Amino acid sequence: MITRMRKKAIVYGAILGLLLNTSAVADWQADSSDKKQAKAAVALAKFKDKHPEMESYFDQAHGYAIIPGVTRVAIGFGGAYGRGLVVEGDNLIGWTSFSQFSSGLQLGAKYFSMIVFFKDQAALDEYKKSQMQFLGQAGVDLATVGISGTPAYSDGVAIFAITRLGLMAEFSYSGARFKYKAIESGD
């Protein structure tokens, strides 16, 4: 029991430290009383810590969506789901979700974080439409190794993912959808 309490104290202390460190989460400041925002701040800090070369994306982007946890499972057919938030400049503007259904040669499960950068207002506006996209995927994930993503902006969007845990091999085709909900629409 004490061990579990110590773990919680360490995790909450780390989250609070990350929230108070402004350089760890770009210009946006998370509300420490909101669990979704706290998780997003921790995920942003991990991206920046593990891959400092991404700093230029934060500097150049008009905004971004951060999804701190996406769970993906596949056995021939697969699916993934995660929720996060959308930041424009240094303001939280809405909530987002990611869902994906896939088919192909694939087996495994993984848990990862994802960030979607929007180069300009037009790319962010397109994201807000919540349209279905079709993707081809190939890869192998083992434990917590690797980062994946687009090496440059494509149609004003760049996507990066960091595997946090998992074992998956795939060569598949999928449909993915990002949904957006503005804050003024409610949570």
C-alpha atoms as a PDB file:
ATOM      1  CA  MET A   1       0.000   0.000   0.000  1.00  0.00           C
ATOM      2  CA  ILE A   2       2.781   2.422   0.867  1.00  0.00           C
ATOM      3  CA  THR A   3       4.556   1.543  -2.371  1.00  0.00           C
ATOM      4  CA  ARG A   4       1.469   2.450  -4.423  1.00  0.00           C
ATOM      5  CA  MET A   5       1.100   5.723  -2.503  1.00  0.00           C
ATOM      6  CA  ARG A   6       4.781   6.553  -3.107  1.00  0.00           C
ATOM      7  CA  LYS A   7       4.379   5.856  -6.825  1.00  0.00           C
ATOM      8  CA  LYS A   8       1.366   8.162  -6.996  1.00  0.00           C
ATOM      9  CA  ALA A   9       3.239  10.893  -5.109  1.00  0.00           C
ATOM     10  CA  ILE A  10       6.203  10.596  -7.478  1.00  0.00           C
ATOM     11  CA  VAL A  11       3.962  10.685 -10.582  1.00  0.00           C
ATOM     12  CA  TYR A  12       1.965  13.683  -9.328  1.00  0.00           C
ATOM     13  CA  GLY A  13       5.186  15.448  -8.334  1.00  0.00           C
ATOM     14  CA  ALA A  14       6.658  14.841 -11.792  1.00  0.00           C
ATOM     15  CA  ILE A  15       3.493  16.122 -13.468  1.00  0.00           C
ATOM     16  CA  LEU A  16       3.480  19.233 -11.292  1.00  0.00           C
ATOM     17  CA  GLY A  17       7.174  19.820 -12.069  1.00  0.00           C
ATOM     18  CA  LEU A  18       6.522  19.480 -15.789  1.00  0.00           C
ATOM     19  CA  LEU A  19       3.561  21.825 -15.604  1.00  0.00           C
ATOM     20  CA  LEU A  20       5.613  24.464 -13.826  1.00  0.00           C
ATOM     21  CA  ASN A  21       8.491  24.167 -16.323  1.00  0.00           C
ATOM     22  CA  THR A  22       7.340  26.371 -19.213  1.00  0.00           C
ATOM     23  CA  SER A  23      10.027  25.174 -21.625  1.00  0.00           C
ATOM     24  CA  ALA A  24       8.757  21.583 -21.410  1.00  0.00           C
ATOM     25  CA  VAL A  25       5.353  22.196 -23.020  1.00  0.00           C
ATOM     26  CA  ALA A  26       5.882  24.813 -25.776  1.00  0.00           C
ATOM     27  CA  ASP A  27       3.932  28.059 -25.170  1.00  0.00           C
ATOM     28  CA  TRP A  28       0.721  26.435 -23.974  1.00  0.00           C
ATOM     29  CA  GLN A  29       0.278  26.142 -20.210  1.00  0.00           C
ATOM     30  CA  ALA A  30      -1.729  23.187 -18.906  1.00  0.00           C
ATOM     31  CA  ASP A  31      -4.341  23.601 -16.192  1.00  0.00           C
ATOM     32  CA  SER A  32      -2.911  21.349 -13.460  1.00  0.00           C
ATOM     33  CA  SER A  33      -6.400  20.642 -12.067  1.00  0.00           C
ATOM     34  CA  ASP A  34      -7.525  19.082 -15.386  1.00  0.00           C
ATOM     35  CA  LYS A  35      -6.376  15.454 -15.780  1.00  0.00           C
ATOM     36  CA  LYS A  36      -6.588  15.564 -19.607  1.00  0.00           C
ATOM     37  CA  GLN A  37      -4.386  18.637 -19.757  1.00  0.00           C
ATOM     38  CA  ALA A  38      -1.922  17.190 -17.252  1.00  0.00           C
ATOM     39  CA  LYS A  39      -1.552  14.005 -19.346  1.00  0.00           C
ATOM     40  CA  ALA A  40      -1.071  16.085 -22.496  1.00  0.00           C
ATOM     41  CA  ALA A  41       1.627  18.174 -20.804  1.00  0.00           C
ATOM     42  CA  VAL A  42       3.512  15.035 -19.763  1.00  0.00           C
ATOM     43  CA  ALA A  43       3.287  13.629 -23.322  1.00  0.00           C
ATOM     44  CA  LEU A  44       4.560  16.922 -24.802  1.00  0.00           C
ATOM     45  CA  ALA A  45       7.488  16.903 -22.403  1.00  0.00           C
ATOM     46  CA  LYS A  46       8.364  13.328 -23.457  1.00  0.00           C
ATOM     47  CA  PHE A  47       8.300  14.283 -27.147  1.00  0.00           C
ATOM     48  CA  LYS A  48      10.567  17.268 -26.528  1.00  0.00           C
ATOM     49  CA  ASP A  49      12.899  15.359 -24.215  1.00  0.00           C
ATOM     50  CA  LYS A  50      13.341  12.292 -26.430  1.00  0.00           C
ATOM     51  CA  HIS A  51      13.447  14.209 -29.726  1.00  0.00           C
ATOM     52  CA  PRO A  52      14.772  17.769 -29.360  1.00  0.00           C
ATOM     53  CA  GLU A  53      14.971  18.003 -33.174  1.00  0.00           C
ATOM     54  CA  MET A  54      11.176  18.447 -33.103  1.00  0.00           C
ATOM     55  CA  GLU A  55      11.641  21.919 -31.596  1.00  0.00           C
ATOM     56  CA  SER A  56      11.491  23.446 -35.085  1.00  0.00           C
ATOM     57  CA  TYR A  57       7.981  22.012 -35.536  1.00  0.00           C
ATOM     58  CA  PHE A  58       6.849  23.686 -32.321  1.00  0.00           C
ATOM     59  CA  ASP A  59       8.458  26.951 -33.479  1.00  0.00           C
ATOM     60  CA  GLN A  60       6.919  26.860 -36.976  1.00  0.00           C
ATOM     61  CA  ALA A  61       3.490  25.348 -36.307  1.00  0.00           C
ATOM     62  CA  HIS A  62       0.317  27.409 -36.192  1.00  0.00           C
ATOM     63  CA  GLY A  63      -1.034  24.856 -33.730  1.00  0.00           C
ATOM     64  CA  TYR A  64      -1.033  21.183 -32.803  1.00  0.00           C
ATOM     65  CA  ALA A  65      -3.143  18.339 -31.463  1.00  0.00           C
ATOM     66  CA  ILE A  66      -1.630  16.180 -28.730  1.00  0.00           C
ATOM     67  CA  ILE A  67      -3.065  12.752 -27.985  1.00  0.00           C
ATOM     68  CA  PRO A  68      -1.185  11.435 -24.951  1.00  0.00           C
ATOM     69  CA  GLY A  69      -2.380   7.836 -25.176  1.00  0.00           C
ATOM     70  CA  VAL A  70      -3.575   5.779 -28.139  1.00  0.00           C
ATOM     71  CA  THR A  71      -4.272   2.074 -27.687  1.00  0.00           C
ATOM     72  CA  ARG A  72      -4.006  -0.107 -30.796  1.00  0.00           C
ATOM     73  CA  VAL A  73      -4.768  -3.842 -31.084  1.00  0.00           C
ATOM     74  CA  ALA A  74      -4.687  -5.991 -34.231  1.00  0.00           C
ATOM     75  CA  ILE A  75      -5.090  -9.613 -35.297  1.00  0.00           C
ATOM     76  CA  GLY A  76      -5.680  -9.432 -39.065  1.00  0.00           C
ATOM     77  CA  PHE A  77      -8.194  -6.663 -38.402  1.00  0.00           C
ATOM     78  CA  GLY A  78      -7.318  -3.929 -35.961  1.00  0.00           C
ATOM     79  CA  GLY A  79      -8.437  -0.801 -34.243  1.00  0.00           C
ATOM     80  CA  ALA A  80      -7.027   2.124 -32.304  1.00  0.00           C
ATOM     81  CA  TYR A  81      -8.478   4.903 -30.170  1.00  0.00           C
ATOM     82  CA  GLY A  82      -7.201   7.861 -28.178  1.00  0.00           C
ATOM     83  CA  ARG A  83      -8.301  11.303 -26.956  1.00  0.00           C
ATOM     84  CA  GLY A  84      -6.460  14.558 -26.496  1.00  0.00           C
ATOM     85  CA  LEU A  85      -6.582  18.296 -27.015  1.00  0.00           C
ATOM     86  CA  VAL A  86      -5.928  20.935 -29.678  1.00  0.00           C
ATOM     87  CA  VAL A  87      -3.777  24.025 -29.134  1.00  0.00           C
ATOM     88  CA  GLU A  88      -3.654  27.053 -31.436  1.00  0.00           C
ATOM     89  CA  GLY A  89      -0.740  29.369 -30.661  1.00  0.00           C
ATOM     90  CA  ASP A  90      -0.651  29.163 -26.886  1.00  0.00           C
ATOM     91  CA  ASN A  91      -4.408  28.684 -26.360  1.00  0.00           C
ATOM     92  CA  LEU A  92      -6.330  25.487 -25.757  1.00  0.00           C
ATOM     93  CA  ILE A  93      -9.142  25.637 -28.350  1.00  0.00           C
ATOM     94  CA  GLY A  94     -10.708  22.190 -28.299  1.00  0.00           C
ATOM     95  CA  TRP A  95     -10.741  18.473 -27.699  1.00  0.00           C
ATOM     96  CA  THR A  96      -9.859  15.788 -30.215  1.00  0.00           C
ATOM     97  CA  SER A  97     -10.104  12.056 -30.650  1.00  0.00           C
ATOM     98  CA  PHE A  98      -8.391   9.608 -32.988  1.00  0.00           C
ATOM     99  CA  SER A  99      -9.946   6.361 -34.177  1.00  0.00           C
ATOM    100  CA  GLN A 100      -8.576   3.896 -36.681  1.00  0.00           C
ATOM    101  CA  PHE A 101      -9.735   0.637 -38.236  1.00  0.00           C
ATOM    102  CA  SER A 102      -7.287  -1.463 -40.221  1.00  0.00           C
ATOM    103  CA  SER A 103      -7.031  -4.628 -42.268  1.00  0.00           C
ATOM    104  CA  GLY A 104      -4.032  -6.549 -43.530  1.00  0.00           C
ATOM    105  CA  LEU A 105      -1.107  -8.559 -42.266  1.00  0.00           C
ATOM    106  CA  GLN A 106      -0.895  -7.370 -38.680  1.00  0.00           C
ATOM    107  CA  LEU A 107      -0.568  -8.824 -35.228  1.00  0.00           C
ATOM    108  CA  GLY A 108       0.037  -7.263 -31.840  1.00  0.00           C
ATOM    109  CA  ALA A 109      -0.816  -4.436 -29.513  1.00  0.00           C
ATOM    110  CA  LYS A 110       0.784  -1.130 -28.695  1.00  0.00           C
ATOM    111  CA  TYR A 111       0.240   2.029 -26.704  1.00  0.00           C
ATOM    112  CA  PHE A 112       1.618   5.274 -28.107  1.00  0.00           C
ATOM    113  CA  SER A 113       1.452   9.068 -27.956  1.00  0.00           C
ATOM    114  CA  MET A 114       0.742  11.158 -31.043  1.00  0.00           C
ATOM    115  CA  ILE A 115       1.204  14.803 -31.987  1.00  0.00           C
ATOM    116  CA  VAL A 116      -0.233  16.439 -35.118  1.00  0.00           C
ATOM    117  CA  PHE A 117       1.317  19.762 -36.172  1.00  0.00           C
ATOM    118  CA  PHE A 118      -0.643  22.276 -38.290  1.00  0.00           C
ATOM    119  CA  LYS A 119       1.608  24.488 -40.394  1.00  0.00           C
ATOM    120  CA  ASP A 120      -1.024  27.191 -40.955  1.00  0.00           C
ATOM    121  CA  GLN A 121      -4.632  28.210 -40.290  1.00  0.00           C
ATOM    122  CA  ALA A 122      -5.852  26.372 -43.421  1.00  0.00           C
ATOM    123  CA  ALA A 123      -4.433  23.047 -42.158  1.00  0.00           C
ATOM    124  CA  LEU A 124      -6.038  23.556 -38.742  1.00  0.00           C
ATOM    125  CA  ASP A 125      -9.381  24.448 -40.353  1.00  0.00           C
ATOM    126  CA  GLU A 126      -9.214  21.264 -42.445  1.00  0.00           C
ATOM    127  CA  TYR A 127      -8.522  19.222 -39.292  1.00  0.00           C
ATOM    128  CA  LYS A 128     -11.591  20.698 -37.613  1.00  0.00           C
ATOM    129  CA  LYS A 129     -13.803  19.194 -40.361  1.00  0.00           C
ATOM    130  CA  SER A 130     -13.204  15.705 -38.870  1.00  0.00           C
ATOM    131  CA  GLN A 131     -13.001  13.882 -42.208  1.00  0.00           C
ATOM    132  CA  MET A 132     -11.987  10.237 -42.719  1.00  0.00           C
ATOM    133  CA  GLN A 133      -8.498   9.617 -44.120  1.00  0.00           C
ATOM    134  CA  PHE A 134      -7.102   6.439 -45.643  1.00  0.00           C
ATOM    135  CA  LEU A 135      -3.566   5.319 -44.878  1.00  0.00           C
ATOM    136  CA  GLY A 136      -1.154   2.552 -45.756  1.00  0.00           C
ATOM    137  CA  GLN A 137       1.100   1.378 -42.925  1.00  0.00           C
ATOM    138  CA  ALA A 138       4.063  -0.905 -42.497  1.00  0.00           C
ATOM    139  CA  GLY A 139       6.285  -1.349 -39.477  1.00  0.00           C
ATOM    140  CA  VAL A 140       7.443  -3.234 -36.429  1.00  0.00           C
ATOM    141  CA  ASP A 141       7.215  -1.954 -32.847  1.00  0.00           C
ATOM    142  CA  LEU A 142       9.041  -3.600 -29.975  1.00  0.00           C
ATOM    143  CA  ALA A 143       8.667  -2.458 -26.346  1.00  0.00           C
ATOM    144  CA  THR A 144       9.321   1.315 -26.236  1.00  0.00           C
ATOM    145  CA  VAL A 145      11.714   1.629 -29.179  1.00  0.00           C
ATOM    146  CA  GLY A 146      11.278   4.196 -31.925  1.00  0.00           C
ATOM    147  CA  ILE A 147       9.480   7.228 -33.181  1.00  0.00           C
ATOM    148  CA  SER A 148       7.539   7.427 -36.393  1.00  0.00           C
ATOM    149  CA  GLY A 149       6.095  10.245 -38.389  1.00  0.00           C
ATOM    150  CA  THR A 150       6.178  12.366 -41.483  1.00  0.00           C
ATOM    151  CA  PRO A 151       9.654  13.822 -42.129  1.00  0.00           C
ATOM    152  CA  ALA A 152       8.118  17.090 -43.367  1.00  0.00           C
ATOM    153  CA  TYR A 153       4.739  18.778 -43.677  1.00  0.00           C
ATOM    154  CA  SER A 154       2.347  17.104 -46.115  1.00  0.00           C
ATOM    155  CA  ASP A 155      -0.717  19.192 -47.004  1.00  0.00           C
ATOM    156  CA  GLY A 156       0.149  21.455 -44.061  1.00  0.00           C
ATOM    157  CA  VAL A 157       0.189  18.617 -41.509  1.00  0.00           C
ATOM    158  CA  ALA A 158       3.019  16.674 -39.851  1.00  0.00           C
ATOM    159  CA  ILE A 159       2.316  13.704 -37.562  1.00  0.00           C
ATOM    160  CA  PHE A 160       4.673  12.071 -35.059  1.00  0.00           C
ATOM    161  CA  ALA A 161       4.118   9.118 -32.758  1.00  0.00           C
ATOM    162  CA  ILE A 162       6.214   7.674 -29.953  1.00  0.00           C
ATOM    163  CA  THR A 163       5.596   4.055 -28.975  1.00  0.00           C
ATOM    164  CA  ARG A 164       5.332   3.835 -25.216  1.00  0.00           C
ATOM    165  CA  LEU A 165       4.762   0.096 -24.934  1.00  0.00           C
ATOM    166  CA  GLY A 166       3.949  -2.737 -27.270  1.00  0.00           C
ATOM    167  CA  LEU A 167       4.797  -5.452 -29.713  1.00  0.00           C
ATOM    168  CA  MET A 168       3.296  -5.200 -33.183  1.00  0.00           C
ATOM    169  CA  ALA A 169       4.174  -6.125 -36.750  1.00  0.00           C
ATOM    170  CA  GLU A 170       2.045  -4.901 -39.630  1.00  0.00           C
ATOM    171  CA  PHE A 171       1.570  -4.319 -43.294  1.00  0.00           C
ATOM    172  CA  SER A 172      -1.932  -2.925 -43.471  1.00  0.00           C
ATOM    173  CA  TYR A 173      -4.402  -0.488 -44.952  1.00  0.00           C
ATOM    174  CA  SER A 174      -6.511   1.620 -42.653  1.00  0.00           C
ATOM    175  CA  GLY A 175      -9.097   4.319 -42.305  1.00  0.00           C
ATOM    176  CA  ALA A 176      -8.382   6.927 -39.647  1.00  0.00           C
ATOM    177  CA  ARG A 177     -10.452   9.765 -38.313  1.00  0.00           C
ATOM    178  CA  PHE A 178      -9.568  12.694 -36.135  1.00  0.00           C
ATOM    179  CA  LYS A 179     -12.590  14.358 -34.539  1.00  0.00           C
ATOM    180  CA  TYR A 180     -12.537  17.903 -33.214  1.00  0.00           C
ATOM    181  CA  LYS A 181     -14.825  19.566 -30.687  1.00  0.00           C
ATOM    182  CA  ALA A 182     -14.393  23.243 -29.795  1.00  0.00           C
ATOM    183  CA  ILE A 183     -14.222  24.090 -26.091  1.00  0.00           C
ATOM    184  CA  GLU A 184     -17.256  26.371 -26.282  1.00  0.00           C
ATOM    185  CA  SER A 185     -19.267  23.309 -27.467  1.00  0.00           C
ATOM    186  CA  GLY A 186     -18.751  21.706 -24.063  1.00  0.00           C
ATOM    187  CA  ASP A 187     -16.639  18.790 -22.965  1.00  0.00           C
END
